[in-house]
Amino acid sequence: MDTLYPHLLMAADMKLRIVRVGNSRGIRLPKALLDEARVGPDAEFDARVTPDGILLAPARTVRLGWAEAAARAHADGDDALITTPAPAFDRSEWSW
């Protein structure tokens, strides 16, 4: 069993067949597989070609967790505006 994902119980690899979906092709993923991987009905995935084949991974959410981190920083009083003087490089190299 894979120790990184202890909730995954499938012991054997599955063979899946490519099917026609309109003018495209697709792979039907069995509901049991999706349930076991905790994939919801509207899940989005990033796909990439690797030396071993096609890798599907949950789509990365941009700025995931930023709101919670900002709330924690505010609660800790760590969200004050930094007002240190600009370094000499900024004063001489940039036009403001």
PDB file of N, CA and C in Angstrom:
ATOM      1  N   MET A   1       0.852  -1.180   0.000  1.00  0.00           N
ATOM      2  CA  MET A   1       0.000   0.000   0.000  1.00  0.00           C
ATOM      3  C   MET A   1       0.894   1.239   0.000  1.00  0.00           C
ATOM      4  N   ASP A   2       0.446   2.271  -0.677  1.00  0.00           N
ATOM      5  CA  ASP A   2       1.184   3.518  -0.769  1.00  0.00           C
ATOM      6  C   ASP A   2       1.043   4.266   0.555  1.00  0.00           C
ATOM      7  N   THR A   3       2.159   4.525   1.241  1.00  0.00           N
ATOM      8  CA  THR A   3       2.077   5.163   2.557  1.00  0.00           C
ATOM      9  C   THR A   3       1.778   6.653   2.457  1.00  0.00           C
ATOM     10  N   LEU A   4       1.990   7.267   1.279  1.00  0.00           N
ATOM     11  CA  LEU A   4       1.653   8.686   1.139  1.00  0.00           C
ATOM     12  C   LEU A   4       0.146   8.902   1.091  1.00  0.00           C
ATOM     13  N   TYR A   5      -0.578   7.913   0.576  1.00  0.00           N
ATOM     14  CA  TYR A   5      -2.022   8.025   0.421  1.00  0.00           C
ATOM     15  C   TYR A   5      -2.688   6.804   1.050  1.00  0.00           C
ATOM     16  N   PRO A   6      -2.724   6.754   2.371  1.00  0.00           N
ATOM     17  CA  PRO A   6      -3.245   5.549   3.025  1.00  0.00           C
ATOM     18  C   PRO A   6      -4.716   5.283   2.744  1.00  0.00           C
ATOM     19  N   HIS A   7      -5.467   6.307   2.292  1.00  0.00           N
ATOM     20  CA  HIS A   7      -6.886   6.090   2.011  1.00  0.00           C
ATOM     21  C   HIS A   7      -7.106   5.349   0.694  1.00  0.00           C
ATOM     22  N   LEU A   8      -6.055   5.216  -0.137  1.00  0.00           N
ATOM     23  CA  LEU A   8      -6.195   4.510  -1.405  1.00  0.00           C
ATOM     24  C   LEU A   8      -6.086   3.018  -1.165  1.00  0.00           C
ATOM     25  N   LEU A   9      -7.093   2.291  -1.585  1.00  0.00           N
ATOM     26  CA  LEU A   9      -7.158   0.870  -1.273  1.00  0.00           C
ATOM     27  C   LEU A   9      -6.948  -0.037  -2.473  1.00  0.00           C
ATOM     28  N   MET A  10      -7.035   0.495  -3.708  1.00  0.00           N
ATOM     29  CA  MET A  10      -6.936  -0.359  -4.891  1.00  0.00           C
ATOM     30  C   MET A  10      -5.570  -1.036  -4.924  1.00  0.00           C
ATOM     31  N   ALA A  11      -5.588  -2.343  -5.012  1.00  0.00           N
ATOM     32  CA  ALA A  11      -4.344  -3.099  -4.967  1.00  0.00           C
ATOM     33  C   ALA A  11      -3.731  -3.262  -6.349  1.00  0.00           C
ATOM     34  N   ALA A  12      -4.524  -3.231  -7.405  1.00  0.00           N
ATOM     35  CA  ALA A  12      -4.008  -3.502  -8.741  1.00  0.00           C
ATOM     36  C   ALA A  12      -4.156  -2.272  -9.629  1.00  0.00           C
ATOM     37  N   ASP A  13      -3.246  -2.164 -10.604  1.00  0.00           N
ATOM     38  CA  ASP A  13      -3.384  -1.129 -11.615  1.00  0.00           C
ATOM     39  C   ASP A  13      -4.596  -1.450 -12.481  1.00  0.00           C
ATOM     40  N   MET A  14      -5.171  -0.412 -13.079  1.00  0.00           N
ATOM     41  CA  MET A  14      -6.307  -0.610 -13.966  1.00  0.00           C
ATOM     42  C   MET A  14      -5.878  -0.357 -15.391  1.00  0.00           C
ATOM     43  N   LYS A  15      -6.437  -1.108 -16.302  1.00  0.00           N
ATOM     44  CA  LYS A  15      -6.243  -0.830 -17.720  1.00  0.00           C
ATOM     45  C   LYS A  15      -7.484  -0.095 -18.193  1.00  0.00           C
ATOM     46  N   LEU A  16      -7.263   1.067 -18.784  1.00  0.00           N
ATOM     47  CA  LEU A  16      -8.366   1.869 -19.292  1.00  0.00           C
ATOM     48  C   LEU A  16      -8.192   2.035 -20.791  1.00  0.00           C
ATOM     49  N   ARG A  17      -9.294   2.185 -21.486  1.00  0.00           N
ATOM     50  CA  ARG A  17      -9.268   2.293 -22.938  1.00  0.00           C
ATOM     51  C   ARG A  17      -9.639   3.715 -23.350  1.00  0.00           C
ATOM     52  N   ILE A  18      -8.967   4.202 -24.383  1.00  0.00           N
ATOM     53  CA  ILE A  18      -9.283   5.522 -24.931  1.00  0.00           C
ATOM     54  C   ILE A  18     -10.582   5.392 -25.723  1.00  0.00           C
ATOM     55  N   VAL A  19     -11.501   6.344 -25.506  1.00  0.00           N
ATOM     56  CA  VAL A  19     -12.799   6.328 -26.188  1.00  0.00           C
ATOM     57  C   VAL A  19     -12.981   7.628 -26.965  1.00  0.00           C
ATOM     58  N   ARG A  20     -13.836   7.574 -27.967  1.00  0.00           N
ATOM     59  CA  ARG A  20     -14.147   8.760 -28.761  1.00  0.00           C
ATOM     60  C   ARG A  20     -15.158   9.616 -28.003  1.00  0.00           C
ATOM     61  N   VAL A  21     -14.878  10.908 -27.916  1.00  0.00           N
ATOM     62  CA  VAL A  21     -15.784  11.868 -27.281  1.00  0.00           C
ATOM     63  C   VAL A  21     -15.929  13.018 -28.280  1.00  0.00           C
ATOM     64  N   GLY A  22     -16.941  12.937 -29.135  1.00  0.00           N
ATOM     65  CA  GLY A  22     -17.070  13.930 -30.203  1.00  0.00           C
ATOM     66  C   GLY A  22     -15.885  13.800 -31.147  1.00  0.00           C
ATOM     67  N   ASN A  23     -15.215  14.933 -31.407  1.00  0.00           N
ATOM     68  CA  ASN A  23     -14.025  14.908 -32.261  1.00  0.00           C
ATOM     69  C   ASN A  23     -12.759  14.662 -31.458  1.00  0.00           C
ATOM     70  N   SER A  24     -12.882  14.501 -30.160  1.00  0.00           N
ATOM     71  CA  SER A  24     -11.724  14.308 -29.287  1.00  0.00           C
ATOM     72  C   SER A  24     -11.661  12.859 -28.821  1.00  0.00           C
ATOM     73  N   ARG A  25     -10.745  12.607 -27.927  1.00  0.00           N
ATOM     74  CA  ARG A  25     -10.629  11.297 -27.296  1.00  0.00           C
ATOM     75  C   ARG A  25     -10.631  11.511 -25.793  1.00  0.00           C
ATOM     76  N   GLY A  26     -11.022  10.507 -25.064  1.00  0.00           N
ATOM     77  CA  GLY A  26     -11.059  10.615 -23.617  1.00  0.00           C
ATOM     78  C   GLY A  26     -10.824   9.273 -22.968  1.00  0.00           C
ATOM     79  N   ILE A  27     -10.744   9.310 -21.671  1.00  0.00           N
ATOM     80  CA  ILE A  27     -10.607   8.093 -20.875  1.00  0.00           C
ATOM     81  C   ILE A  27     -11.708   8.134 -19.828  1.00  0.00           C
ATOM     82  N   ARG A  28     -12.483   7.082 -19.752  1.00  0.00           N
ATOM     83  CA  ARG A  28     -13.517   6.984 -18.718  1.00  0.00           C
ATOM     84  C   ARG A  28     -12.865   6.467 -17.448  1.00  0.00           C
ATOM     85  N   LEU A  29     -13.048   7.202 -16.383  1.00  0.00           N
ATOM     86  CA  LEU A  29     -12.503   6.786 -15.090  1.00  0.00           C
ATOM     87  C   LEU A  29     -13.643   6.206 -14.262  1.00  0.00           C
ATOM     88  N   PRO A  30     -13.504   4.985 -13.800  1.00  0.00           N
ATOM     89  CA  PRO A  30     -14.567   4.361 -13.010  1.00  0.00           C
ATOM     90  C   PRO A  30     -14.872   5.160 -11.741  1.00  0.00           C
ATOM     91  N   LYS A  31     -16.143   5.203 -11.380  1.00  0.00           N
ATOM     92  CA  LYS A  31     -16.576   5.940 -10.202  1.00  0.00           C
ATOM     93  C   LYS A  31     -15.833   5.470  -8.953  1.00  0.00           C
ATOM     94  N   ALA A  32     -15.601   4.188  -8.840  1.00  0.00           N
ATOM     95  CA  ALA A  32     -14.888   3.664  -7.662  1.00  0.00           C
ATOM     96  C   ALA A  32     -13.490   4.268  -7.572  1.00  0.00           C
ATOM     97  N   LEU A  33     -12.825   4.418  -8.698  1.00  0.00           N
ATOM     98  CA  LEU A  33     -11.493   5.015  -8.723  1.00  0.00           C
ATOM     99  C   LEU A  33     -11.557   6.483  -8.304  1.00  0.00           C
ATOM    100  N   LEU A  34     -12.530   7.207  -8.847  1.00  0.00           N
ATOM    101  CA  LEU A  34     -12.688   8.623  -8.494  1.00  0.00           C
ATOM    102  C   LEU A  34     -13.044   8.790  -7.022  1.00  0.00           C
ATOM    103  N   ASP A  35     -13.932   7.942  -6.516  1.00  0.00           N
ATOM    104  CA  ASP A  35     -14.302   8.001  -5.102  1.00  0.00           C
ATOM    105  C   ASP A  35     -13.089   7.734  -4.214  1.00  0.00           C
ATOM    106  N   GLU A  36     -12.323   6.725  -4.590  1.00  0.00           N
ATOM    107  CA  GLU A  36     -11.172   6.357  -3.780  1.00  0.00           C
ATOM    108  C   GLU A  36     -10.108   7.454  -3.773  1.00  0.00           C
ATOM    109  N   ALA A  37      -9.991   8.160  -4.892  1.00  0.00           N
ATOM    110  CA  ALA A  37      -9.019   9.250  -4.987  1.00  0.00           C
ATOM    111  C   ALA A  37      -9.601  10.570  -4.482  1.00  0.00           C
ATOM    112  N   ARG A  38     -10.831  10.530  -4.002  1.00  0.00           N
ATOM    113  CA  ARG A  38     -11.524  11.711  -3.472  1.00  0.00           C
ATOM    114  C   ARG A  38     -11.606  12.827  -4.507  1.00  0.00           C
ATOM    115  N   VAL A  39     -12.001  12.447  -5.708  1.00  0.00           N
ATOM    116  CA  VAL A  39     -12.155  13.405  -6.807  1.00  0.00           C
ATOM    117  C   VAL A  39     -13.634  13.726  -6.942  1.00  0.00           C
ATOM    118  N   GLY A  40     -13.972  15.005  -6.853  1.00  0.00           N
ATOM    119  CA  GLY A  40     -15.351  15.449  -6.963  1.00  0.00           C
ATOM    120  C   GLY A  40     -15.816  15.513  -8.407  1.00  0.00           C
ATOM    121  N   PRO A  41     -17.120  15.726  -8.613  1.00  0.00           N
ATOM    122  CA  PRO A  41     -17.693  15.687  -9.960  1.00  0.00           C
ATOM    123  C   PRO A  41     -17.211  16.816 -10.878  1.00  0.00           C
ATOM    124  N   ASP A  42     -16.826  17.951 -10.349  1.00  0.00           N
ATOM    125  CA  ASP A  42     -16.388  19.077 -11.181  1.00  0.00           C
ATOM    126  C   ASP A  42     -14.899  19.353 -11.032  1.00  0.00           C
ATOM    127  N   ALA A  43     -14.134  18.348 -10.653  1.00  0.00           N
ATOM    128  CA  ALA A  43     -12.700  18.525 -10.414  1.00  0.00           C
ATOM    129  C   ALA A  43     -11.987  18.910 -11.710  1.00  0.00           C
ATOM    130  N   GLU A  44     -10.975  19.758 -11.564  1.00  0.00           N
ATOM    131  CA  GLU A  44     -10.137  20.134 -12.697  1.00  0.00           C
ATOM    132  C   GLU A  44      -8.744  19.555 -12.467  1.00  0.00           C
ATOM    133  N   PHE A  45      -8.088  19.207 -13.571  1.00  0.00           N
ATOM    134  CA  PHE A  45      -6.778  18.600 -13.497  1.00  0.00           C
ATOM    135  C   PHE A  45      -5.799  19.313 -14.403  1.00  0.00           C
ATOM    136  N   ASP A  46      -4.536  19.301 -14.002  1.00  0.00           N
ATOM    137  CA  ASP A  46      -3.446  19.695 -14.879  1.00  0.00           C
ATOM    138  C   ASP A  46      -2.945  18.396 -15.502  1.00  0.00           C
ATOM    139  N   ALA A  47      -2.668  18.424 -16.804  1.00  0.00           N
ATOM    140  CA  ALA A  47      -2.152  17.243 -17.491  1.00  0.00           C
ATOM    141  C   ALA A  47      -0.799  17.580 -18.083  1.00  0.00           C
ATOM    142  N   ARG A  48       0.114  16.619 -17.999  1.00  0.00           N
ATOM    143  CA  ARG A  48       1.433  16.840 -18.585  1.00  0.00           C
ATOM    144  C   ARG A  48       1.991  15.501 -19.052  1.00  0.00           C
ATOM    145  N   VAL A  49       2.760  15.580 -20.118  1.00  0.00           N
ATOM    146  CA  VAL A  49       3.413  14.394 -20.655  1.00  0.00           C
ATOM    147  C   VAL A  49       4.729  14.212 -19.915  1.00  0.00           C
ATOM    148  N   THR A  50       4.964  13.004 -19.432  1.00  0.00           N
ATOM    149  CA  THR A  50       6.202  12.660 -18.740  1.00  0.00           C
ATOM    150  C   THR A  50       6.850  11.499 -19.490  1.00  0.00           C
ATOM    151  N   PRO A  51       8.089  11.159 -19.158  1.00  0.00           N
ATOM    152  CA  PRO A  51       8.710   9.987 -19.808  1.00  0.00           C
ATOM    153  C   PRO A  51       7.921   8.699 -19.583  1.00  0.00           C
ATOM    154  N   ASP A  52       7.125   8.654 -18.500  1.00  0.00           N
ATOM    155  CA  ASP A  52       6.356   7.447 -18.196  1.00  0.00           C
ATOM    156  C   ASP A  52       4.959   7.448 -18.794  1.00  0.00           C
ATOM    157  N   GLY A  53       4.509   8.567 -19.356  1.00  0.00           N
ATOM    158  CA  GLY A  53       3.165   8.629 -19.913  1.00  0.00           C
ATOM    159  C   GLY A  53       2.539   9.974 -19.651  1.00  0.00           C
ATOM    160  N   ILE A  54       1.249   9.977 -19.413  1.00  0.00           N
ATOM    161  CA  ILE A  54       0.496  11.204 -19.135  1.00  0.00           C
ATOM    162  C   ILE A  54       0.209  11.254 -17.639  1.00  0.00           C
ATOM    163  N   LEU A  55       0.562  12.358 -17.023  1.00  0.00           N
ATOM    164  CA  LEU A  55       0.334  12.533 -15.595  1.00  0.00           C
ATOM    165  C   LEU A  55      -0.824  13.500 -15.394  1.00  0.00           C
ATOM    166  N   LEU A  56      -1.823  13.075 -14.637  1.00  0.00           N
ATOM    167  CA  LEU A  56      -2.930  13.937 -14.240  1.00  0.00           C
ATOM    168  C   LEU A  56      -2.751  14.265 -12.774  1.00  0.00           C
ATOM    169  N   ALA A  57      -2.874  15.541 -12.447  1.00  0.00           N
ATOM    170  CA  ALA A  57      -2.757  15.970 -11.056  1.00  0.00           C
ATOM    171  C   ALA A  57      -3.824  17.011 -10.795  1.00  0.00           C
ATOM    172  N   PRO A  58      -4.306  17.105  -9.561  1.00  0.00           N
ATOM    173  CA  PRO A  58      -5.294  18.135  -9.264  1.00  0.00           C
ATOM    174  C   PRO A  58      -4.771  19.498  -9.713  1.00  0.00           C
ATOM    175  N   ALA A  59      -5.660  20.285 -10.321  1.00  0.00           N
ATOM    176  CA  ALA A  59      -5.261  21.609 -10.790  1.00  0.00           C
ATOM    177  C   ALA A  59      -4.805  22.444  -9.614  1.00  0.00           C
ATOM    178  N   ARG A  60      -3.694  23.132  -9.809  1.00  0.00           N
ATOM    179  CA  ARG A  60      -3.193  24.005  -8.751  1.00  0.00           C
ATOM    180  C   ARG A  60      -4.040  25.266  -8.715  1.00  0.00           C
ATOM    181  N   THR A  61      -4.446  25.631  -7.538  1.00  0.00           N
ATOM    182  CA  THR A  61      -5.238  26.829  -7.363  1.00  0.00           C
ATOM    183  C   THR A  61      -4.298  27.992  -7.075  1.00  0.00           C
ATOM    184  N   VAL A  62      -4.374  29.015  -7.904  1.00  0.00           N
ATOM    185  CA  VAL A  62      -3.514  30.177  -7.722  1.00  0.00           C
ATOM    186  C   VAL A  62      -3.849  30.849  -6.398  1.00  0.00           C
ATOM    187  N   ARG A  63      -2.823  31.178  -5.664  1.00  0.00           N
ATOM    188  CA  ARG A  63      -2.943  31.876  -4.381  1.00  0.00           C
ATOM    189  C   ARG A  63      -3.735  31.086  -3.342  1.00  0.00           C
ATOM    190  N   LEU A  64      -3.703  29.780  -3.443  1.00  0.00           N
ATOM    191  CA  LEU A  64      -4.398  28.934  -2.482  1.00  0.00           C
ATOM    192  C   LEU A  64      -3.852  29.196  -1.081  1.00  0.00           C
ATOM    193  N   GLY A  65      -4.715  29.533  -0.149  1.00  0.00           N
ATOM    194  CA  GLY A  65      -4.323  29.744   1.234  1.00  0.00           C
ATOM    195  C   GLY A  65      -3.868  31.159   1.562  1.00  0.00           C
ATOM    196  N   TRP A  66      -3.805  32.038   0.560  1.00  0.00           N
ATOM    197  CA  TRP A  66      -3.335  33.399   0.829  1.00  0.00           C
ATOM    198  C   TRP A  66      -4.268  34.154   1.770  1.00  0.00           C
ATOM    199  N   ALA A  67      -5.566  34.012   1.607  1.00  0.00           N
ATOM    200  CA  ALA A  67      -6.513  34.732   2.461  1.00  0.00           C
ATOM    201  C   ALA A  67      -6.346  34.318   3.918  1.00  0.00           C
ATOM    202  N   GLU A  68      -6.185  33.027   4.159  1.00  0.00           N
ATOM    203  CA  GLU A  68      -6.007  32.537   5.524  1.00  0.00           C
ATOM    204  C   GLU A  68      -4.682  33.030   6.101  1.00  0.00           C
ATOM    205  N   ALA A  69      -3.628  33.036   5.279  1.00  0.00           N
ATOM    206  CA  ALA A  69      -2.324  33.513   5.746  1.00  0.00           C
ATOM    207  C   ALA A  69      -2.384  34.997   6.082  1.00  0.00           C
ATOM    208  N   ALA A  70      -3.090  35.779   5.273  1.00  0.00           N
ATOM    209  CA  ALA A  70      -3.230  37.209   5.546  1.00  0.00           C
ATOM    210  C   ALA A  70      -4.018  37.432   6.830  1.00  0.00           C
ATOM    211  N   ALA A  71      -5.060  36.634   7.056  1.00  0.00           N
ATOM    212  CA  ALA A  71      -5.850  36.765   8.283  1.00  0.00           C
ATOM    213  C   ALA A  71      -4.995  36.426   9.509  1.00  0.00           C
ATOM    214  N   ARG A  72      -4.155  35.375   9.401  1.00  0.00           N
ATOM    215  CA  ARG A  72      -3.272  35.027  10.519  1.00  0.00           C
ATOM    216  C   ARG A  72      -2.258  36.135  10.773  1.00  0.00           C
ATOM    217  N   ALA A  73      -1.686  36.703   9.705  1.00  0.00           N
ATOM    218  CA  ALA A  73      -0.708  37.785   9.863  1.00  0.00           C
ATOM    219  C   ALA A  73      -1.363  38.984  10.536  1.00  0.00           C
ATOM    220  N   HIS A  74      -2.592  39.295  10.149  1.00  0.00           N
ATOM    221  CA  HIS A  74      -3.302  40.417  10.765  1.00  0.00           C
ATOM    222  C   HIS A  74      -3.569  40.134  12.245  1.00  0.00           C
ATOM    223  N   ALA A  75      -4.018  38.918  12.530  1.00  0.00           N
ATOM    224  CA  ALA A  75      -4.301  38.551  13.926  1.00  0.00           C
ATOM    225  C   ALA A  75      -3.039  38.620  14.777  1.00  0.00           C
ATOM    226  N   ASP A  76      -1.887  38.311  14.176  1.00  0.00           N
ATOM    227  CA  ASP A  76      -0.612  38.349  14.898  1.00  0.00           C
ATOM    228  C   ASP A  76       0.023  39.738  14.893  1.00  0.00           C
ATOM    229  N   GLY A  77      -0.654  40.714  14.254  1.00  0.00           N
ATOM    230  CA  GLY A  77      -0.096  42.058  14.174  1.00  0.00           C
ATOM    231  C   GLY A  77       1.107  42.144  13.241  1.00  0.00           C
ATOM    232  N   ASP A  78       1.176  41.235  12.305  1.00  0.00           N
ATOM    233  CA  ASP A  78       2.333  41.164  11.410  1.00  0.00           C
ATOM    234  C   ASP A  78       1.978  41.604   9.998  1.00  0.00           C
ATOM    235  N   ASP A  79       1.090  42.595   9.884  1.00  0.00           N
ATOM    236  CA  ASP A  79       0.687  43.042   8.556  1.00  0.00           C
ATOM    237  C   ASP A  79       0.856  44.551   8.378  1.00  0.00           C
ATOM    238  N   ALA A  80       1.734  45.143   9.178  1.00  0.00           N
ATOM    239  CA  ALA A  80       1.959  46.589   9.069  1.00  0.00           C
ATOM    240  C   ALA A  80       2.737  46.897   7.790  1.00  0.00           C
ATOM    241  N   LEU A  81       2.477  48.065   7.239  1.00  0.00           N
ATOM    242  CA  LEU A  81       3.179  48.521   6.054  1.00  0.00           C
ATOM    243  C   LEU A  81       4.649  48.754   6.391  1.00  0.00           C
ATOM    244  N   ILE A  82       5.522  48.244   5.569  1.00  0.00           N
ATOM    245  CA  ILE A  82       6.959  48.431   5.786  1.00  0.00           C
ATOM    246  C   ILE A  82       7.331  49.803   5.244  1.00  0.00           C
ATOM    247  N   THR A  83       7.871  50.632   6.110  1.00  0.00           N
ATOM    248  CA  THR A  83       8.148  52.014   5.698  1.00  0.00           C
ATOM    249  C   THR A  83       9.629  52.346   5.778  1.00  0.00           C
ATOM    250  N   THR A  84      10.476  51.365   5.613  1.00  0.00           N
ATOM    251  CA  THR A  84      11.910  51.647   5.644  1.00  0.00           C
ATOM    252  C   THR A  84      12.285  52.443   4.396  1.00  0.00           C
ATOM    253  N   PRO A  85      13.298  53.288   4.493  1.00  0.00           N
ATOM    254  CA  PRO A  85      13.694  54.070   3.329  1.00  0.00           C
ATOM    255  C   PRO A  85      14.157  53.167   2.187  1.00  0.00           C
ATOM    256  N   ALA A  86      13.937  53.634   0.974  1.00  0.00           N
ATOM    257  CA  ALA A  86      14.362  52.864  -0.191  1.00  0.00           C
ATOM    258  C   ALA A  86      15.880  52.820  -0.246  1.00  0.00           C
ATOM    259  N   PRO A  87      16.447  51.701  -0.691  1.00  0.00           N
ATOM    260  CA  PRO A  87      17.905  51.633  -0.824  1.00  0.00           C
ATOM    261  C   PRO A  87      18.382  52.594  -1.912  1.00  0.00           C
ATOM    262  N   ALA A  88      19.674  52.910  -1.871  1.00  0.00           N
ATOM    263  CA  ALA A  88      20.253  53.858  -2.825  1.00  0.00           C
ATOM    264  C   ALA A  88      19.977  53.424  -4.262  1.00  0.00           C
ATOM    265  N   PHE A  89      20.027  52.124  -4.525  1.00  0.00           N
ATOM    266  CA  PHE A  89      19.769  51.635  -5.879  1.00  0.00           C
ATOM    267  C   PHE A  89      18.403  52.090  -6.360  1.00  0.00           C
ATOM    268  N   ASP A  90      17.384  51.946  -5.494  1.00  0.00           N
ATOM    269  CA  ASP A  90      16.035  52.354  -5.887  1.00  0.00           C
ATOM    270  C   ASP A  90      15.957  53.859  -6.150  1.00  0.00           C
ATOM    271  N   ARG A  91      16.652  54.641  -5.376  1.00  0.00           N
ATOM    272  CA  ARG A  91      16.590  56.093  -5.558  1.00  0.00           C
ATOM    273  C   ARG A  91      17.292  56.549  -6.831  1.00  0.00           C
ATOM    274  N   SER A  92      18.369  55.832  -7.232  1.00  0.00           N
ATOM    275  CA  SER A  92      19.130  56.287  -8.393  1.00  0.00           C
ATOM    276  C   SER A  92      18.736  55.599  -9.695  1.00  0.00           C
ATOM    277  N   GLU A  93      18.226  54.386  -9.635  1.00  0.00           N
ATOM    278  CA  GLU A  93      17.973  53.624 -10.861  1.00  0.00           C
ATOM    279  C   GLU A  93      16.537  53.669 -11.339  1.00  0.00           C
ATOM    280  N   TRP A  94      15.614  54.082 -10.508  1.00  0.00           N
ATOM    281  CA  TRP A  94      14.206  54.060 -10.884  1.00  0.00           C
ATOM    282  C   TRP A  94      13.657  55.468 -11.003  1.00  0.00           C
ATOM    283  N   SER A  95      12.762  55.660 -11.948  1.00  0.00           N
ATOM    284  CA  SER A  95      12.040  56.931 -12.061  1.00  0.00           C
ATOM    285  C   SER A  95      10.673  56.762 -11.436  1.00  0.00           C
ATOM    286  N   TRP A  96      10.325  57.655 -10.536  1.00  0.00           N
ATOM    287  CA  TRP A  96       9.040  57.559  -9.849  1.00  0.00           C
ATOM    288  C   TRP A  96       8.120  58.639 -10.273  1.00  0.00           C
TER     289      TRP A  96
END
